[in-house]
């Protein structure tokens, strides 16, 4: 599969569509910093297991997407890279086919599975792995 995606700052011509924007930030400090990012992907895109340090709104415009989520306290069972590693926010395990001989704790992690469809919104708190 060769999917396509864009991840970066919200383009200026879309910023007016995000008003009133104050509700998109968790704290007043976040609101003042006004750091907004957008991820747009094609169908079939699979995201590597990772965590985000920001709160996320996932809005499904067309089609559907499946999510597998874990709570932050299970990060050791998901084998994230060490903080000093360039991939520090990603898991070393392949979630689709985990090597349980290398990552035995993975089988003990409790996932929450959900899916979005057109016009759904999924809100994720900080540092949930998916």
Protein backbone atom coordinates (compact mmCIF):
# COMPACT_ATOMS: atom_id res chain seq x y z
CA UNK A 1 0.00 0.00 0.00
CA UNK A 2 1.19 3.48 -0.83
CA UNK A 3 -0.91 5.89 1.17
CA UNK A 4 -0.61 9.63 1.15
CA UNK A 5 -0.85 12.06 4.01
CA UNK A 6 -0.16 15.61 5.05
CA UNK A 7 0.85 16.55 8.58
CA UNK A 8 1.75 20.10 9.43
CA UNK A 9 0.44 23.46 10.46
CA UNK A 10 -3.13 24.27 9.52
CA UNK A 11 -2.98 26.11 6.18
CA UNK A 12 -3.94 29.78 6.44
CA UNK A 13 -6.88 29.36 4.04
CA UNK A 14 -8.44 26.79 6.45
CA UNK A 15 -7.92 28.65 9.72
CA UNK A 16 -11.15 30.63 9.41
CA UNK A 17 -13.04 27.30 9.25
CA UNK A 18 -11.78 26.50 12.76
CA UNK A 19 -13.54 29.41 14.46
CA UNK A 20 -14.30 29.91 17.24
CA UNK A 21 -10.92 28.35 17.90
CA UNK A 22 -10.73 28.89 21.67
CA UNK A 23 -12.58 25.60 22.19
CA UNK A 24 -9.82 23.68 20.39
CA UNK A 25 -7.30 24.21 23.18
CA UNK A 26 -7.08 22.51 26.54
CA UNK A 27 -5.49 25.37 28.47
CA UNK A 28 -5.19 29.13 28.22
CA UNK A 29 -1.44 28.68 27.60
CA UNK A 30 -2.20 26.43 24.62
CA UNK A 31 -4.71 28.94 23.30
CA UNK A 32 -2.18 31.77 23.48
CA UNK A 33 0.45 29.69 21.66
CA UNK A 34 -2.09 28.93 18.89
CA UNK A 35 -0.30 25.79 17.74
CA UNK A 36 -2.69 23.88 15.51
CA UNK A 37 -1.76 20.96 13.32
CA UNK A 38 -3.73 18.98 10.80
CA UNK A 39 -3.37 15.42 9.54
CA UNK A 40 -5.09 14.49 6.28
CA UNK A 41 -4.71 11.02 4.82
CA UNK A 42 -5.92 8.88 1.96
CA UNK A 43 -7.93 5.72 2.45
CA UNK A 44 -6.08 2.67 3.70
CA UNK A 45 -3.51 4.66 5.67
CA UNK A 46 -2.25 2.78 8.72
CA UNK A 47 -0.53 4.79 11.43
CA UNK A 48 2.31 3.19 13.35
CA UNK A 49 1.61 2.73 17.07
CA UNK A 50 2.49 6.04 18.75
CA UNK A 51 1.40 8.56 21.35
CA UNK A 52 0.79 12.28 21.10
CA UNK A 53 1.59 14.87 23.72
CA UNK A 54 -1.35 16.97 22.62
CA UNK A 55 -5.07 16.59 22.87
CA UNK A 56 -6.55 15.50 19.54
CA UNK A 57 -9.81 15.91 17.70
CA UNK A 58 -10.17 13.34 14.94
CA UNK A 59 -12.93 14.27 12.51
CA UNK A 60 -13.98 11.73 9.90
CA UNK A 61 -15.05 13.53 6.72
CA UNK A 62 -15.64 10.50 4.49
CA UNK A 63 -15.40 6.75 4.89
CA UNK A 64 -14.42 5.17 8.18
CA UNK A 65 -11.34 4.57 10.32
CA UNK A 66 -10.63 2.00 13.01
CA UNK A 67 -8.74 2.95 16.16
CA UNK A 68 -7.05 0.85 18.78
CA UNK A 69 -6.33 2.88 21.91
CA UNK A 70 -4.42 2.17 25.09
CA UNK A 71 -4.26 4.15 28.28
CA UNK A 72 -1.02 5.99 29.12
CA UNK A 73 -0.16 3.79 32.10
CA UNK A 74 0.22 0.81 29.75
CA UNK A 75 3.09 2.38 27.78
CA UNK A 76 5.66 -0.05 29.18
CA UNK A 77 3.64 -2.96 27.81
CA UNK A 78 3.68 -1.30 24.38
CA UNK A 79 7.47 -0.94 24.26
CA UNK A 80 7.92 2.68 23.28
CA UNK A 81 11.41 3.77 22.32
CA UNK A 82 13.48 5.53 25.01
CA UNK A 83 12.97 9.29 25.34
CA UNK A 84 16.38 10.09 23.82
CA UNK A 85 15.66 8.02 20.68
CA UNK A 86 14.54 9.83 17.47
CA UNK A 87 11.36 7.68 17.46
CA UNK A 88 10.70 8.21 21.19
CA UNK A 89 6.93 8.64 20.73
CA UNK A 90 6.48 5.38 18.80
CA UNK A 91 6.23 1.73 19.75
CA UNK A 92 8.88 -0.81 18.81
CA UNK A 93 6.18 -3.48 18.45
CA UNK A 94 4.29 -4.09 15.24
CA UNK A 95 0.72 -3.85 16.52
CA UNK A 96 -0.69 -5.80 13.57
CA UNK A 97 1.61 -8.77 14.20
CA UNK A 98 3.50 -8.34 17.48
CA UNK A 99 6.56 -10.48 18.08
CA UNK A 100 5.63 -11.77 21.54
CA UNK A 101 9.05 -13.34 22.01
CA UNK A 102 10.60 -9.83 21.84
CA UNK A 103 7.65 -8.00 23.40
CA UNK A 104 5.98 -10.44 25.82
CA UNK A 105 4.16 -7.75 27.81
CA UNK A 106 2.24 -6.66 24.73
CA UNK A 107 -0.29 -9.46 25.25
CA UNK A 108 -1.10 -8.03 28.71
CA UNK A 109 -2.01 -4.56 27.44
CA UNK A 110 -5.75 -3.86 27.36
CA UNK A 111 -6.83 -2.12 24.18
CA UNK A 112 -10.02 -0.19 23.54
CA UNK A 113 -11.20 -0.51 19.95
CA UNK A 114 -13.47 1.96 18.26
CA UNK A 115 -14.27 3.23 14.78
CA UNK A 116 -15.36 6.46 13.23
CA UNK A 117 -17.65 7.00 10.28
CA UNK A 118 -18.54 10.04 8.22
CA UNK A 119 -19.36 13.04 10.44
CA UNK A 120 -18.00 11.40 13.62
CA UNK A 121 -15.63 13.13 16.00
CA UNK A 122 -13.19 11.30 18.27
CA UNK A 123 -11.51 13.23 21.09
CA UNK A 124 -8.27 11.78 22.47
CA UNK A 125 -6.58 12.96 25.62
CA UNK A 126 -2.82 13.35 25.76
CA UNK A 127 -0.59 10.33 25.52
CA UNK A 128 -3.09 7.65 24.58
CA UNK A 129 -1.29 5.30 22.26
CA UNK A 130 -2.88 4.32 18.98
